[in-house]
Amino acid sequence: MENYELLNFKSDRRKVVLSTSYASPLGSVYLISNELAKENYHGEVLFDLLLSNGFNPNRFLSMVFDGERLVSQTTKIINEIPKSLLIEIYEFYYEHIEYIEKSSLPDIQKYLLKNNKVAENLSSS
């Protein structure tokens, strides 16, 4: 099983890679590149490392995919994520509690994600 999911969200045109366990999907850039190439994708790819990095400032990274590979020289930390995308990401994890269970997150953060408290808080703000 892969340690990531490559997704499209309604609120953002970028491809988004979500971690599915404590293992960072950055170790799978070759596999991710192959998937992106099969989809004829060109552009920015957003990596959400929530399950390995937690709610830290280095949670979101982006890289450019040039049609053949993820260009590591374009890697940057992303600090501003649209609220609508965050809500979609948290709802994805709420629907996939098995991924949260395989994370290295503290129990309180697992509780918040498994009970959709983070998305609810964002929706009400």
C-alpha atoms as a PDB file:
ATOM      1  CA  MET A   1       0.000   0.000   0.000  1.00  0.00           C
ATOM      2  CA  GLU A   2       1.210   3.491  -0.838  1.00  0.00           C
ATOM      3  CA  ASN A   3       1.858   6.044   1.905  1.00  0.00           C
ATOM      4  CA  TYR A   4      -0.020   8.747   0.004  1.00  0.00           C
ATOM      5  CA  GLU A   5      -3.136   9.560  -1.989  1.00  0.00           C
ATOM      6  CA  LEU A   6      -3.012  11.810  -5.040  1.00  0.00           C
ATOM      7  CA  LEU A   7      -6.226  13.814  -5.183  1.00  0.00           C
ATOM      8  CA  ASN A   8      -8.122  16.598  -6.890  1.00  0.00           C
ATOM      9  CA  PHE A   9     -10.229  18.881  -4.743  1.00  0.00           C
ATOM     10  CA  LYS A  10     -13.079  21.118  -5.892  1.00  0.00           C
ATOM     11  CA  SER A  11     -11.664  24.243  -4.287  1.00  0.00           C
ATOM     12  CA  ASP A  12      -8.132  24.109  -5.744  1.00  0.00           C
ATOM     13  CA  ARG A  13      -6.780  23.367  -9.220  1.00  0.00           C
ATOM     14  CA  ARG A  14      -3.508  21.902  -7.943  1.00  0.00           C
ATOM     15  CA  LYS A  15      -2.977  18.190  -7.477  1.00  0.00           C
ATOM     16  CA  VAL A  16      -2.768  17.421  -3.772  1.00  0.00           C
ATOM     17  CA  VAL A  17      -0.741  14.608  -2.207  1.00  0.00           C
ATOM     18  CA  LEU A  18      -1.998  13.570   1.229  1.00  0.00           C
ATOM     19  CA  SER A  19      -0.081  11.329   3.585  1.00  0.00           C
ATOM     20  CA  THR A  20      -1.851   8.120   4.605  1.00  0.00           C
ATOM     21  CA  SER A  21       0.428   7.187   7.519  1.00  0.00           C
ATOM     22  CA  TYR A  22       3.308   8.527   9.592  1.00  0.00           C
ATOM     23  CA  ALA A  23       5.630   7.870   6.610  1.00  0.00           C
ATOM     24  CA  SER A  24       6.165  10.989   4.522  1.00  0.00           C
ATOM     25  CA  PRO A  25       5.012  10.773   0.894  1.00  0.00           C
ATOM     26  CA  LEU A  26       8.181  12.662  -0.082  1.00  0.00           C
ATOM     27  CA  GLY A  27       9.899   9.283  -0.179  1.00  0.00           C
ATOM     28  CA  SER A  28       7.550   8.316  -3.013  1.00  0.00           C
ATOM     29  CA  VAL A  29       8.247  11.174  -5.442  1.00  0.00           C
ATOM     30  CA  TYR A  30       9.180   8.709  -8.201  1.00  0.00           C
ATOM     31  CA  LEU A  31       5.840   6.879  -7.896  1.00  0.00           C
ATOM     32  CA  ILE A  32       3.941  10.163  -7.630  1.00  0.00           C
ATOM     33  CA  SER A  33       5.739  11.467 -10.730  1.00  0.00           C
ATOM     34  CA  ASN A  34       4.691   8.354 -12.651  1.00  0.00           C
ATOM     35  CA  GLU A  35       1.044   8.875 -11.674  1.00  0.00           C
ATOM     36  CA  LEU A  36       1.151  12.546 -12.634  1.00  0.00           C
ATOM     37  CA  ALA A  37       2.759  11.736 -15.997  1.00  0.00           C
ATOM     38  CA  LYS A  38       0.017   9.178 -16.764  1.00  0.00           C
ATOM     39  CA  GLU A  39      -2.526  11.937 -16.144  1.00  0.00           C
ATOM     40  CA  ASN A  40      -0.607  14.349 -18.437  1.00  0.00           C
ATOM     41  CA  TYR A  41      -0.455  16.812 -15.569  1.00  0.00           C
ATOM     42  CA  HIS A  42       1.786  19.898 -15.610  1.00  0.00           C
ATOM     43  CA  GLY A  43       1.904  22.349 -12.742  1.00  0.00           C
ATOM     44  CA  GLU A  44       2.135  22.784  -9.020  1.00  0.00           C
ATOM     45  CA  VAL A  45       1.646  19.833  -6.670  1.00  0.00           C
ATOM     46  CA  LEU A  46       0.763  20.487  -3.047  1.00  0.00           C
ATOM     47  CA  PHE A  47       1.995  18.024  -0.412  1.00  0.00           C
ATOM     48  CA  ASP A  48       0.136  17.848   2.900  1.00  0.00           C
ATOM     49  CA  LEU A  49       2.385  16.122   5.422  1.00  0.00           C
ATOM     50  CA  LEU A  50      -0.142  16.330   8.266  1.00  0.00           C
ATOM     51  CA  LEU A  51       0.140  12.708   9.384  1.00  0.00           C
ATOM     52  CA  SER A  52       3.931  12.821   9.582  1.00  0.00           C
ATOM     53  CA  ASN A  53       4.632  16.471  10.497  1.00  0.00           C
ATOM     54  CA  GLY A  54       1.468  17.315  12.403  1.00  0.00           C
ATOM     55  CA  PHE A  55       0.120  20.865  12.519  1.00  0.00           C
ATOM     56  CA  ASN A  56       3.633  22.336  12.209  1.00  0.00           C
ATOM     57  CA  PRO A  57       4.654  25.209   9.903  1.00  0.00           C
ATOM     58  CA  ASN A  58       6.385  22.724   7.565  1.00  0.00           C
ATOM     59  CA  ARG A  59       3.173  20.755   7.029  1.00  0.00           C
ATOM     60  CA  PHE A  60       2.537  21.994   3.467  1.00  0.00           C
ATOM     61  CA  LEU A  61       5.105  21.894   0.668  1.00  0.00           C
ATOM     62  CA  SER A  62       4.772  22.474  -3.033  1.00  0.00           C
ATOM     63  CA  MET A  63       6.774  21.262  -6.001  1.00  0.00           C
ATOM     64  CA  VAL A  64       6.391  21.832  -9.707  1.00  0.00           C
ATOM     65  CA  PHE A  65       5.723  18.840 -11.940  1.00  0.00           C
ATOM     66  CA  ASP A  66       7.182  19.470 -15.408  1.00  0.00           C
ATOM     67  CA  GLY A  67       5.306  16.677 -17.168  1.00  0.00           C
ATOM     68  CA  GLU A  68       7.966  14.077 -16.412  1.00  0.00           C
ATOM     69  CA  ARG A  69       9.161  14.596 -12.862  1.00  0.00           C
ATOM     70  CA  LEU A  70       8.698  16.573  -9.687  1.00  0.00           C
ATOM     71  CA  VAL A  71      11.408  19.212  -9.774  1.00  0.00           C
ATOM     72  CA  SER A  72      13.019  19.164  -6.323  1.00  0.00           C
ATOM     73  CA  GLN A  73      14.650  22.576  -6.865  1.00  0.00           C
ATOM     74  CA  THR A  74      11.162  24.124  -6.861  1.00  0.00           C
ATOM     75  CA  THR A  75      10.276  22.802  -3.391  1.00  0.00           C
ATOM     76  CA  LYS A  76       8.947  25.439  -1.035  1.00  0.00           C
ATOM     77  CA  ILE A  77       7.066  25.556   2.246  1.00  0.00           C
ATOM     78  CA  ILE A  78       3.547  26.897   1.825  1.00  0.00           C
ATOM     79  CA  ASN A  79       2.108  28.869   4.722  1.00  0.00           C
ATOM     80  CA  GLU A  80      -1.166  30.129   3.245  1.00  0.00           C
ATOM     81  CA  ILE A  81      -3.721  27.472   2.347  1.00  0.00           C
ATOM     82  CA  PRO A  82      -7.241  28.499   1.335  1.00  0.00           C
ATOM     83  CA  LYS A  83      -9.775  27.734   4.047  1.00  0.00           C
ATOM     84  CA  SER A  84     -12.000  25.922   1.549  1.00  0.00           C
ATOM     85  CA  LEU A  85      -9.168  23.525   0.682  1.00  0.00           C
ATOM     86  CA  LEU A  86      -8.349  22.921   4.344  1.00  0.00           C
ATOM     87  CA  ILE A  87     -11.979  22.018   5.009  1.00  0.00           C
ATOM     88  CA  GLU A  88     -11.946  19.534   2.114  1.00  0.00           C
ATOM     89  CA  ILE A  89      -8.699  17.985   3.393  1.00  0.00           C
ATOM     90  CA  TYR A  90     -10.033  17.607   6.939  1.00  0.00           C
ATOM     91  CA  GLU A  91     -13.259  16.097   5.605  1.00  0.00           C
ATOM     92  CA  PHE A  92     -11.176  13.600   3.601  1.00  0.00           C
ATOM     93  CA  TYR A  93      -9.343  12.514   6.750  1.00  0.00           C
ATOM     94  CA  TYR A  94     -12.636  12.366   8.664  1.00  0.00           C
ATOM     95  CA  GLU A  95     -13.839   9.871   6.030  1.00  0.00           C
ATOM     96  CA  HIS A  96     -10.565   7.897   6.286  1.00  0.00           C
ATOM     97  CA  ILE A  97     -10.034   7.416  10.003  1.00  0.00           C
ATOM     98  CA  GLU A  98      -7.770   4.438   9.260  1.00  0.00           C
ATOM     99  CA  TYR A  99      -5.135   6.886   7.972  1.00  0.00           C
ATOM    100  CA  ILE A 100      -5.322   8.976  11.134  1.00  0.00           C
ATOM    101  CA  GLU A 101      -4.798   5.832  13.214  1.00  0.00           C
ATOM    102  CA  LYS A 102      -1.538   5.122  11.332  1.00  0.00           C
ATOM    103  CA  SER A 103      -0.176   8.610  11.972  1.00  0.00           C
ATOM    104  CA  SER A 104       2.389   9.808  14.490  1.00  0.00           C
ATOM    105  CA  LEU A 105       0.028  12.513  15.760  1.00  0.00           C
ATOM    106  CA  PRO A 106      -0.608  12.982  19.482  1.00  0.00           C
ATOM    107  CA  ASP A 107      -3.885  11.482  20.706  1.00  0.00           C
ATOM    108  CA  ILE A 108      -5.574  14.877  21.106  1.00  0.00           C
ATOM    109  CA  GLN A 109      -4.893  15.761  17.454  1.00  0.00           C
ATOM    110  CA  LYS A 110      -6.135  12.334  16.350  1.00  0.00           C
ATOM    111  CA  TYR A 111      -9.304  12.939  18.363  1.00  0.00           C
ATOM    112  CA  LEU A 112      -9.874  16.325  16.706  1.00  0.00           C
ATOM    113  CA  LEU A 113      -9.434  14.885  13.209  1.00  0.00           C
ATOM    114  CA  LYS A 114     -11.460  11.710  13.783  1.00  0.00           C
ATOM    115  CA  ASN A 115     -14.355  13.743  15.163  1.00  0.00           C
ATOM    116  CA  ASN A 116     -14.164  16.397  12.418  1.00  0.00           C
ATOM    117  CA  LYS A 117     -13.605  19.146  15.000  1.00  0.00           C
ATOM    118  CA  VAL A 118     -10.959  20.967  12.933  1.00  0.00           C
ATOM    119  CA  ALA A 119     -13.204  21.251   9.852  1.00  0.00           C
ATOM    120  CA  GLU A 120     -16.171  22.272  12.007  1.00  0.00           C
ATOM    121  CA  ASN A 121     -14.089  25.008  13.620  1.00  0.00           C
ATOM    122  CA  LEU A 122     -12.934  26.315  10.223  1.00  0.00           C
ATOM    123  CA  SER A 123     -16.480  26.239   8.839  1.00  0.00           C
ATOM    124  CA  SER A 124     -17.815  28.315  11.703  1.00  0.00           C
ATOM    125  CA  SER A 125     -15.063  30.958  11.567  1.00  0.00           C
END
